[in-house]
Amino acid sequence: MNATISREQLNELTEVIEDSVQFICDQEMISGEKAWAVLECLAIAKQAELSGVI
């Protein structure tokens, strides 16, 4: 597994995530602040899962 990503890959990933957050906020009337807080929690949990902590 490659531990680094290119600037292009980072930009693509960022765009996909931001578009997804905007979509769900618009569709479900969720605040952006709340959606990003949920995403942060999910990211922390996923990192723990991938590293074998949970």
C-alpha atoms as a PDB file:
ATOM      1  CA  MET A   1       0.000   0.000   0.000  1.00  0.00           C
ATOM      2  CA  ASN A   2       1.268   3.461  -0.900  1.00  0.00           C
ATOM      3  CA  ALA A   3       1.299   5.722   2.187  1.00  0.00           C
ATOM      4  CA  THR A   4       1.423   8.923   0.145  1.00  0.00           C
ATOM      5  CA  ILE A   5      -0.976  10.467  -2.332  1.00  0.00           C
ATOM      6  CA  SER A   6      -0.341  12.956  -5.084  1.00  0.00           C
ATOM      7  CA  ARG A   7      -1.672  16.502  -5.094  1.00  0.00           C
ATOM      8  CA  GLU A   8      -4.080  15.455  -7.855  1.00  0.00           C
ATOM      9  CA  GLN A   9      -5.375  12.535  -5.780  1.00  0.00           C
ATOM     10  CA  LEU A  10      -5.762  14.807  -2.748  1.00  0.00           C
ATOM     11  CA  ASN A  11      -7.709  17.329  -4.802  1.00  0.00           C
ATOM     12  CA  GLU A  12      -9.995  14.617  -6.204  1.00  0.00           C
ATOM     13  CA  LEU A  13     -10.625  13.096  -2.775  1.00  0.00           C
ATOM     14  CA  THR A  14     -11.325  16.519  -1.264  1.00  0.00           C
ATOM     15  CA  GLU A  15     -13.746  17.379  -4.065  1.00  0.00           C
ATOM     16  CA  VAL A  16     -15.655  14.105  -3.697  1.00  0.00           C
ATOM     17  CA  ILE A  17     -15.956  14.496   0.078  1.00  0.00           C
ATOM     18  CA  GLU A  18     -16.996  18.161  -0.088  1.00  0.00           C
ATOM     19  CA  ASP A  19     -19.573  17.434  -2.803  1.00  0.00           C
ATOM     20  CA  SER A  20     -20.987  14.537  -0.771  1.00  0.00           C
ATOM     21  CA  VAL A  21     -21.262  16.636   2.390  1.00  0.00           C
ATOM     22  CA  GLN A  22     -22.937  19.462   0.486  1.00  0.00           C
ATOM     23  CA  PHE A  23     -25.382  17.026  -1.134  1.00  0.00           C
ATOM     24  CA  ILE A  24     -26.487  15.422   2.139  1.00  0.00           C
ATOM     25  CA  CYS A  25     -26.752  18.815   3.842  1.00  0.00           C
ATOM     26  CA  ASP A  26     -28.981  20.093   1.034  1.00  0.00           C
ATOM     27  CA  GLN A  27     -31.087  16.911   0.832  1.00  0.00           C
ATOM     28  CA  GLU A  28     -31.551  16.317   4.549  1.00  0.00           C
ATOM     29  CA  MET A  29     -31.372  19.899   5.843  1.00  0.00           C
ATOM     30  CA  ILE A  30     -28.353  19.077   8.028  1.00  0.00           C
ATOM     31  CA  SER A  31     -26.029  21.895   9.028  1.00  0.00           C
ATOM     32  CA  GLY A  32     -22.577  21.832   7.488  1.00  0.00           C
ATOM     33  CA  GLU A  33     -21.031  22.104  10.941  1.00  0.00           C
ATOM     34  CA  LYS A  34     -22.899  18.992  12.115  1.00  0.00           C
ATOM     35  CA  ALA A  35     -22.069  17.038   8.957  1.00  0.00           C
ATOM     36  CA  TRP A  36     -18.357  17.828   9.237  1.00  0.00           C
ATOM     37  CA  ALA A  37     -18.371  16.878  12.946  1.00  0.00           C
ATOM     38  CA  VAL A  38     -19.919  13.508  12.052  1.00  0.00           C
ATOM     39  CA  LEU A  39     -17.364  13.031   9.284  1.00  0.00           C
ATOM     40  CA  GLU A  40     -14.550  13.795  11.736  1.00  0.00           C
ATOM     41  CA  CYS A  41     -15.850  11.128  14.151  1.00  0.00           C
ATOM     42  CA  LEU A  42     -16.171   8.609  11.332  1.00  0.00           C
ATOM     43  CA  ALA A  43     -12.616   9.344  10.163  1.00  0.00           C
ATOM     44  CA  ILE A  44     -11.196   8.868  13.665  1.00  0.00           C
ATOM     45  CA  ALA A  45     -13.093   5.605  14.099  1.00  0.00           C
ATOM     46  CA  LYS A  46     -11.989   4.328  10.681  1.00  0.00           C
ATOM     47  CA  GLN A  47      -8.334   5.129  11.429  1.00  0.00           C
ATOM     48  CA  ALA A  48      -8.601   3.213  14.710  1.00  0.00           C
ATOM     49  CA  GLU A  49     -10.211   0.282  12.905  1.00  0.00           C
ATOM     50  CA  LEU A  50      -7.562   0.208  10.185  1.00  0.00           C
ATOM     51  CA  SER A  51      -4.739   0.314  12.732  1.00  0.00           C
ATOM     52  CA  GLY A  52      -6.273  -2.532  14.733  1.00  0.00           C
ATOM     53  CA  VAL A  53      -7.187  -0.488  17.797  1.00  0.00           C
ATOM     54  CA  ILE A  54     -10.855  -1.414  17.492  1.00  0.00           C
END
